[in-house]
Amino acid sequence: MITKLDRSGSVEKLGILLDEMAQHAEVQSILVLACDANGYTPEAVDAILRRVSVPLFGGIFPEIIYEKEKLSQGLIVAGIADRAEVQVIPRLSDVQADYSAMIDDSRTSGDTKTMIVFVDGLARRISALVEALFNVFGLQFNYVGGGAGSLSFQQKPCVLTNAGLVQDSAVLATLPTASGVGVSHGWTDIAGPFEVTESDRNVIQTLDWKPAFEVYRSVVENHARKPLTAGNFFEIAKSYPFGIIKLGTEKIVRDPLMVQDENSLVCVGEVPQGVHVHILTGDVHSLVCAAGRALLLGQQCFSALPQCRTTLFIDCISRTLFLEEQFNRELEAVYQESVSLIGALTLGEIANSRRDYLEFYNKTSVVGVLEG
């Protein structure tokens, strides 16, 4: 994989780097990771994206990762030696959409080893798409990716494709590139389990038939020793995610973003009615160790494959907000000498390890160890 970093994030530089990469003799596909602060709009970038002659996929994220540095402005353009088969899935909040029917399984073959998936992280049916991917493809190959979007939590075009910059959509890129994937989060229980007795996609309305915010506030205020209100919700809630109980595997973390209608909680990703959840917390040590464990798991999956040349680190933006100046310790935990490290700080993470059920995670470290 050939990677180029631009710290300015300008539209002009995006066009220059894409043109250069598309003309490179060894490049068959292009991955783009860009920062929300670049201010890209469809009006500004669609013409540039549409002129790219090779398959292109990527997203706009709160921050991106290049080697041992995170950037809040700029872009990474990565040229891939393998040709990707790319599909865009629209209507990612539509309750009527049948994603299993929309996914074109002819875009994969027996040579497919990895699917990279980027979604609009503020869409309301991400988990439904992820479930559809598993139903259509199962564990034929590895998956790695995450949610694009802005920390303003205002939904806007954030998924990059050859057709332009799109919103409420996902881009699927299948590749013959060998990979190993590791997943770990480092959060532990402090209360629960609670039954999700009423929910609407990514909004939890009641827990044990009580208003969700009321139950959550009682636990968090007792643990944090601080009042929790709608006004300061995200600042405190970043340290207290939900964990959905799954048999035989780590809990699936859900990040509560805000209070809706006084008593409901809006999360990144669906929380189905009837599941049981714990309220979790963590510390610097547990989160950094989890990132290192994700790398180790990815390496173990990759051990029988060709030499790793690129690490794709998909890490939740709320882990950065939680760790603050200690976040560089997570980067150190996944960095390897002589291996290129690129990545994004996302609104949710998508992964499996070819052995586990495909999931949409929050507050989780996902490490993709790639051949190319």
Protein backbone atom coordinates (compact mmCIF):
# COMPACT_ATOMS: atom_id res chain seq x y z
CA MET A 1 0.00 0.00 0.00
CA ILE A 2 1.33 3.42 -1.00
CA THR A 3 0.26 6.16 1.44
CA LYS A 4 0.40 9.93 1.08
CA LEU A 5 -0.43 12.41 3.86
CA ASP A 6 -1.56 16.00 3.34
CA ARG A 7 -1.88 18.12 6.47
CA SER A 8 -3.80 20.97 4.87
CA GLY A 9 -6.83 18.94 3.82
CA SER A 10 -7.53 21.40 1.02
CA VAL A 11 -9.84 20.47 -1.84
CA GLU A 12 -7.05 21.33 -4.28
CA LYS A 13 -4.62 18.93 -2.58
CA LEU A 14 -7.26 16.19 -2.52
CA GLY A 15 -7.55 16.46 -6.30
CA ILE A 16 -3.78 16.46 -6.81
CA LEU A 17 -3.19 13.39 -4.63
CA LEU A 18 -6.06 11.44 -6.18
CA ASP A 19 -4.86 12.20 -9.69
CA GLU A 20 -1.29 11.18 -8.81
CA MET A 21 -2.40 7.96 -7.13
CA ALA A 22 -4.80 6.94 -9.90
CA GLN A 23 -1.98 7.31 -12.45
CA HIS A 24 0.48 5.21 -10.42
CA ALA A 25 1.30 1.98 -12.26
CA GLU A 26 0.98 -0.18 -9.13
CA VAL A 27 -2.32 1.27 -7.86
CA GLN A 28 -5.58 -0.53 -8.62
CA SER A 29 -7.80 1.03 -5.89
CA ILE A 30 -7.75 4.07 -3.61
CA LEU A 31 -8.68 4.42 0.07
CA VAL A 32 -9.26 7.97 1.36
CA LEU A 33 -9.39 8.96 5.05
CA ALA A 34 -10.19 12.65 5.60
CA CYS A 35 -10.92 14.95 8.54
CA ASP A 36 -14.24 16.67 9.16
CA ALA A 37 -12.40 19.97 9.73
CA ASN A 38 -11.42 19.97 6.04
CA GLY A 39 -14.96 21.15 5.34
CA TYR A 40 -15.56 19.02 2.25
CA THR A 41 -18.98 19.34 0.63
CA PRO A 42 -20.46 17.54 -2.38
CA GLU A 43 -20.35 20.80 -4.32
CA ALA A 44 -16.61 21.11 -3.69
CA VAL A 45 -15.40 17.53 -4.15
CA ASP A 46 -17.88 15.54 -6.27
CA ALA A 47 -16.32 16.51 -9.59
CA ILE A 48 -12.88 15.50 -8.26
CA LEU A 49 -14.12 12.12 -7.00
CA ARG A 50 -16.02 11.34 -10.20
CA ARG A 51 -12.97 11.76 -12.41
CA VAL A 52 -10.95 9.12 -10.52
CA SER A 53 -10.45 6.20 -12.91
CA VAL A 54 -9.92 3.41 -10.34
CA PRO A 55 -12.28 2.19 -7.58
CA LEU A 56 -12.34 4.67 -4.68
CA PHE A 57 -13.80 4.37 -1.18
CA GLY A 58 -13.38 6.08 2.18
CA GLY A 59 -14.89 8.51 4.63
CA ILE A 60 -14.71 11.79 6.52
CA PHE A 61 -14.00 11.35 10.24
CA PRO A 62 -13.53 13.52 13.33
CA GLU A 63 -9.79 12.70 13.22
CA ILE A 64 -7.41 10.44 11.31
CA ILE A 65 -4.25 8.51 12.24
CA TYR A 66 -0.92 8.51 10.45
CA GLU A 67 1.92 6.53 12.03
CA LYS A 68 2.04 7.63 15.71
CA GLU A 69 0.10 10.87 15.21
CA LYS A 70 -3.57 11.79 15.17
CA LEU A 71 -4.68 14.71 13.05
CA SER A 72 -7.81 16.84 13.28
CA GLN A 73 -7.18 18.31 9.82
CA GLY A 74 -5.77 16.73 6.69
CA LEU A 75 -6.21 13.60 4.61
CA ILE A 76 -4.59 10.28 3.80
CA VAL A 77 -4.73 8.87 0.29
CA ALA A 78 -3.70 5.20 0.14
CA GLY A 79 -3.09 3.37 -3.10
CA ILE A 80 -3.86 -0.36 -3.00
CA ALA A 81 -2.21 -2.83 -5.37
CA ASP A 82 -5.34 -5.02 -5.49
CA ARG A 83 -8.49 -4.00 -7.35
CA ALA A 84 -11.51 -3.46 -5.09
CA GLU A 85 -15.08 -4.24 -6.02
CA VAL A 86 -17.04 -1.31 -4.60
CA GLN A 87 -20.75 -1.01 -3.86
CA VAL A 88 -22.70 1.86 -2.29
CA ILE A 89 -25.71 1.02 -0.09
CA PRO A 90 -28.11 4.00 0.30
CA ARG A 91 -31.03 4.66 2.70
CA LEU A 92 -29.17 3.61 5.84
CA SER A 93 -31.89 4.99 8.13
CA ASP A 94 -34.89 3.72 6.16
CA VAL A 95 -37.01 1.26 8.17
CA GLN A 96 -38.37 -0.18 4.92
CA ALA A 97 -34.98 -0.91 3.34
CA ASP A 98 -34.11 -4.59 2.81
CA TYR A 99 -30.32 -4.53 2.90
CA SER A 100 -29.94 -8.26 2.22
CA ALA A 101 -31.72 -7.70 -1.11
CA MET A 102 -29.68 -4.56 -1.85
CA ILE A 103 -26.27 -6.19 -1.36
CA ASP A 104 -24.82 -7.47 -4.63
CA ASP A 105 -23.04 -10.72 -3.75
CA SER A 106 -21.70 -11.02 -7.30
CA ARG A 107 -19.10 -8.40 -6.36
CA THR A 108 -17.23 -11.02 -4.32
CA SER A 109 -15.42 -14.13 -5.51
CA GLY A 110 -13.46 -17.03 -4.14
CA ASP A 111 -10.44 -14.71 -4.09
CA THR A 112 -12.08 -12.20 -1.73
CA LYS A 113 -10.28 -12.14 1.63
CA THR A 114 -11.22 -8.74 3.10
CA MET A 115 -14.16 -6.33 3.04
CA ILE A 116 -13.57 -2.72 4.14
CA VAL A 117 -16.84 -1.06 5.19
CA PHE A 118 -17.48 2.61 5.90
CA VAL A 119 -20.92 3.84 6.95
CA ASP A 120 -22.54 7.13 7.86
CA GLY A 121 -22.05 6.82 11.61
CA LEU A 122 -25.19 8.80 12.41
CA ALA A 123 -27.48 6.63 10.29
CA ARG A 124 -30.11 4.79 12.30
CA ARG A 125 -29.93 1.26 10.84
CA ILE A 126 -26.21 0.46 10.79
CA SER A 127 -26.65 -2.73 12.78
CA ALA A 128 -29.32 -3.88 10.31
CA LEU A 129 -26.85 -3.47 7.46
CA VAL A 130 -24.14 -5.30 9.40
CA GLU A 131 -26.56 -8.15 10.09
CA ALA A 132 -27.45 -8.27 6.40
CA LEU A 133 -23.76 -8.48 5.46
CA PHE A 134 -23.39 -11.44 7.77
CA ASN A 135 -26.53 -13.09 6.40
CA VAL A 136 -25.33 -12.70 2.80
CA PHE A 137 -21.62 -13.47 3.20
CA GLY A 138 -21.24 -15.12 6.61
CA LEU A 139 -17.62 -15.64 7.66
CA GLN A 140 -16.20 -16.10 4.17
CA PHE A 141 -13.71 -13.27 4.73
CA ASN A 142 -12.62 -10.62 7.22
CA TYR A 143 -14.43 -7.32 7.73
CA VAL A 144 -12.96 -4.07 9.03
CA GLY A 145 -14.33 -0.52 8.99
CA GLY A 146 -16.29 2.08 10.89
CA GLY A 147 -18.60 5.04 11.06
CA ALA A 148 -17.83 8.31 9.32
CA GLY A 149 -19.23 11.65 10.46
CA SER A 150 -18.77 14.68 12.64
CA LEU A 151 -18.53 15.33 16.38
CA SER A 152 -21.17 18.00 15.85
CA PHE A 153 -23.53 14.98 15.62
CA GLN A 154 -25.23 16.68 12.69
CA GLN A 155 -25.74 14.19 9.88
CA LYS A 156 -24.21 15.32 6.60
CA PRO A 157 -22.43 13.79 3.57
CA CYS A 158 -19.42 11.86 4.91
CA VAL A 159 -18.91 8.71 2.81
CA LEU A 160 -16.51 8.99 -0.14
CA THR A 161 -17.23 7.10 -3.38
CA ASN A 162 -16.50 7.34 -7.10
CA ALA A 163 -20.00 8.80 -7.48
CA GLY A 164 -19.29 11.58 -4.98
CA LEU A 165 -19.66 12.43 -1.29
CA VAL A 166 -22.83 10.84 0.09
CA GLN A 167 -24.95 10.80 3.27
CA ASP A 168 -27.00 8.12 5.05
CA SER A 169 -25.13 5.48 3.06
CA ALA A 170 -22.44 2.81 3.29
CA VAL A 171 -19.60 1.91 0.95
CA LEU A 172 -18.47 -1.73 0.73
CA ALA A 173 -15.08 -2.55 -0.79
CA THR A 174 -14.12 -6.21 -1.24
CA LEU A 175 -10.47 -7.06 -1.86
CA PRO A 176 -8.30 -10.14 -2.44
CA THR A 177 -5.90 -8.65 0.13
CA ALA A 178 -5.04 -11.03 2.97
CA SER A 179 -5.75 -9.73 6.48
CA GLY A 180 -6.05 -10.46 10.17
CA VAL A 181 -8.47 -8.56 12.42
CA GLY A 182 -8.42 -8.02 16.18
CA VAL A 183 -11.14 -6.44 18.36
CA SER A 184 -11.00 -5.39 22.02
CA HIS A 185 -12.48 -2.58 24.16
CA GLY A 186 -11.29 -2.67 27.82
CA TRP A 187 -14.55 -1.52 29.47
CA THR A 188 -15.89 -3.26 32.61
CA ASP A 189 -19.29 -3.52 34.35
CA ILE A 190 -20.38 -1.22 37.17
CA ALA A 191 -24.16 -1.83 37.12
CA GLY A 192 -26.78 -4.09 35.59
CA PRO A 193 -28.00 -6.05 33.87
CA PHE A 194 -30.97 -3.94 32.81
CA GLU A 195 -33.52 -5.07 30.25
CA VAL A 196 -34.14 -2.73 27.33
CA THR A 197 -37.91 -2.79 27.61
CA GLU A 198 -38.62 -0.14 24.94
CA SER A 199 -36.40 1.12 22.13
CA ASP A 200 -36.61 2.53 18.61
CA ARG A 201 -33.56 1.56 16.59
CA ASN A 202 -30.73 3.58 18.22
CA VAL A 203 -32.89 5.24 20.91
CA ILE A 204 -33.34 3.54 24.30
CA GLN A 205 -36.66 4.64 25.79
CA THR A 206 -37.01 2.51 28.93
CA LEU A 207 -34.84 0.20 31.03
CA ASP A 208 -36.72 -2.25 33.25
CA TRP A 209 -39.86 -0.24 32.30
CA LYS A 210 -38.40 2.95 33.82
CA PRO A 211 -37.34 6.01 31.80
CA ALA A 212 -33.91 5.22 30.40
CA PHE A 213 -32.29 8.52 31.37
CA GLU A 214 -33.60 8.20 34.92
CA VAL A 215 -32.00 4.75 35.37
CA TYR A 216 -28.76 5.75 33.66
CA ARG A 217 -28.45 9.03 35.60
CA SER A 218 -28.88 7.27 38.95
CA VAL A 219 -26.00 4.88 38.26
CA VAL A 220 -23.65 7.42 36.70
CA GLU A 221 -24.16 10.14 39.29
CA ASN A 222 -23.48 7.66 42.08
CA HIS A 223 -20.26 6.47 40.43
CA ALA A 224 -18.95 9.78 39.03
CA ARG A 225 -20.01 11.88 42.04
CA LYS A 226 -21.20 14.55 39.61
CA PRO A 227 -24.68 15.67 38.52
CA LEU A 228 -25.69 14.45 35.06
CA THR A 229 -27.95 16.67 32.96
CA ALA A 230 -28.96 16.97 29.33
CA GLY A 231 -26.56 19.91 29.11
CA ASN A 232 -23.40 18.12 30.30
CA PHE A 233 -24.48 14.66 29.15
CA PHE A 234 -21.85 13.86 26.53
CA GLU A 235 -18.94 15.13 28.63
CA ILE A 236 -19.77 12.69 31.43
CA ALA A 237 -21.39 9.88 29.43
CA LYS A 238 -18.21 9.36 27.35
CA SER A 239 -16.88 7.49 30.40
CA TYR A 240 -20.01 5.34 30.89
CA PRO A 241 -21.11 3.34 27.83
CA PHE A 242 -23.65 0.54 27.71
CA GLY A 243 -22.57 -3.06 27.15
CA ILE A 244 -24.97 -5.41 25.35
CA ILE A 245 -24.65 -8.95 26.68
CA LYS A 246 -23.59 -11.52 24.06
CA LEU A 247 -23.09 -15.20 24.81
CA GLY A 248 -19.51 -16.41 24.47
CA THR A 249 -17.92 -13.09 23.56
CA GLU A 250 -17.10 -9.61 24.87
CA LYS A 251 -20.01 -7.26 25.42
CA ILE A 252 -20.95 -5.10 22.44
CA VAL A 253 -20.45 -1.50 23.56
CA ARG A 254 -22.99 1.21 22.75
CA ASP A 255 -22.10 4.87 23.15
CA PRO A 256 -24.90 7.11 24.54
CA LEU A 257 -24.70 10.48 22.78
CA MET A 258 -27.53 12.64 24.09
CA VAL A 259 -30.87 12.84 25.87
CA GLN A 260 -33.97 12.94 23.68
CA ASP A 261 -37.43 14.01 24.84
CA GLU A 262 -36.13 14.30 28.43
CA ASN A 263 -36.03 10.57 29.19
CA SER A 264 -34.74 8.65 26.13
CA LEU A 265 -31.08 8.06 25.27
CA VAL A 266 -29.74 8.32 21.70
CA CYS A 267 -26.89 5.88 21.01
CA VAL A 268 -24.46 5.25 18.17
CA GLY A 269 -26.01 2.10 16.69
CA GLU A 270 -29.16 0.15 17.42
CA VAL A 271 -30.04 -1.27 20.84
CA PRO A 272 -32.80 -3.84 20.24
CA GLN A 273 -35.77 -4.15 22.54
CA GLY A 274 -35.42 -7.18 24.80
CA VAL A 275 -31.63 -7.26 25.09
CA HIS A 276 -29.92 -6.88 28.46
CA VAL A 277 -27.27 -4.25 29.06
CA HIS A 278 -24.76 -3.29 31.72
CA ILE A 279 -23.40 0.19 32.36
CA LEU A 280 -19.62 0.14 31.94
CA THR A 281 -16.58 2.23 32.72
CA GLY A 282 -12.83 1.99 32.21
CA ASP A 283 -9.49 3.66 32.84
CA VAL A 284 -6.38 4.57 30.88
CA HIS A 285 -4.64 1.28 31.60
CA SER A 286 -7.57 -0.93 30.59
CA LEU A 287 -8.15 0.92 27.31
CA VAL A 288 -4.48 0.99 26.29
CA CYS A 289 -4.13 -2.71 27.08
CA ALA A 290 -7.23 -3.40 24.96
CA ALA A 291 -5.67 -1.64 21.94
CA GLY A 292 -2.54 -3.73 22.31
CA ARG A 293 -4.66 -6.86 22.61
CA ALA A 294 -6.51 -5.98 19.38
CA LEU A 295 -3.17 -5.78 17.55
CA LEU A 296 -2.08 -9.12 19.03
CA LEU A 297 -5.34 -10.79 17.98
CA GLY A 298 -4.96 -9.41 14.46
CA GLN A 299 -1.39 -10.68 14.26
CA GLN A 300 -2.45 -14.13 15.45
CA CYS A 301 -5.10 -14.31 12.72
CA PHE A 302 -2.48 -13.22 10.18
CA SER A 303 0.30 -15.56 11.36
CA ALA A 304 -0.11 -18.12 8.57
CA LEU A 305 -0.39 -15.43 5.88
CA PRO A 306 2.20 -13.29 4.02
CA GLN A 307 4.11 -10.53 5.76
CA CYS A 308 2.10 -7.64 7.19
CA ARG A 309 2.84 -4.35 5.47
CA THR A 310 0.03 -2.08 6.70
CA THR A 311 -1.90 -1.70 9.94
CA LEU A 312 -5.37 -0.15 9.57
CA PHE A 313 -6.40 1.14 13.01
CA ILE A 314 -10.11 1.88 13.43
CA ASP A 315 -10.54 3.40 16.89
CA CYS A 316 -13.55 5.09 18.43
CA ILE A 317 -13.35 8.89 18.71
CA SER A 318 -14.85 8.69 22.20
CA ARG A 319 -11.80 6.71 23.36
CA THR A 320 -9.72 9.72 22.34
CA LEU A 321 -12.03 12.04 24.26
CA PHE A 322 -11.78 9.75 27.30
CA LEU A 323 -7.99 9.29 27.19
CA GLU A 324 -7.22 12.92 26.23
CA GLU A 325 -3.43 13.52 26.41
CA GLN A 326 -2.88 9.80 27.15
CA PHE A 327 -4.22 8.75 23.74
CA ASN A 328 -0.69 8.59 22.35
CA ARG A 329 -0.28 5.45 24.49
CA GLU A 330 -2.90 3.69 22.36
CA LEU A 331 -0.99 4.63 19.22
CA GLU A 332 2.21 3.30 20.76
CA ALA A 333 0.38 0.06 21.61
CA VAL A 334 -0.53 -0.63 17.96
CA TYR A 335 2.52 0.81 16.20
CA GLN A 336 5.07 -1.59 14.72
CA GLU A 337 8.45 -0.67 13.31
CA SER A 338 8.65 -1.12 9.52
CA VAL A 339 4.85 -1.45 9.23
CA SER A 340 2.83 1.51 7.93
CA LEU A 341 0.08 2.65 10.35
CA ILE A 342 -2.97 4.52 9.06
CA GLY A 343 -6.45 4.81 10.48
CA ALA A 344 -9.44 6.82 11.57
CA LEU A 345 -11.15 7.85 14.79
CA THR A 346 -14.70 6.81 14.09
CA LEU A 347 -18.34 6.95 15.17
CA GLY A 348 -18.58 3.20 15.72
CA GLU A 349 -16.47 0.31 14.49
CA ILE A 350 -17.24 -2.68 12.23
CA ALA A 351 -15.29 -5.94 12.44
CA ASN A 352 -15.08 -9.65 12.86
CA SER A 353 -12.07 -11.93 13.01
CA ARG A 354 -13.33 -14.63 10.63
CA ARG A 355 -14.26 -16.64 13.71
CA ASP A 356 -16.77 -14.37 15.42
CA TYR A 357 -20.15 -12.93 14.47
CA LEU A 358 -19.86 -9.65 12.57
CA GLU A 359 -20.74 -6.66 14.77
CA PHE A 360 -21.11 -2.89 14.88
CA TYR A 361 -19.17 -1.74 17.95
CA ASN A 362 -18.75 1.51 19.88
CA LYS A 363 -15.81 2.66 22.05
CA THR A 364 -13.77 -0.24 20.70
CA SER A 365 -10.32 -0.68 19.13
CA VAL A 366 -10.26 -2.58 15.83
CA VAL A 367 -6.93 -3.44 14.23
CA GLY A 368 -6.75 -4.68 10.66
CA VAL A 369 -3.39 -6.25 9.77
CA LEU A 370 -3.12 -6.13 5.97
CA GLU A 371 -0.86 -7.85 3.47
CA GLY A 372 -0.64 -4.90 1.09
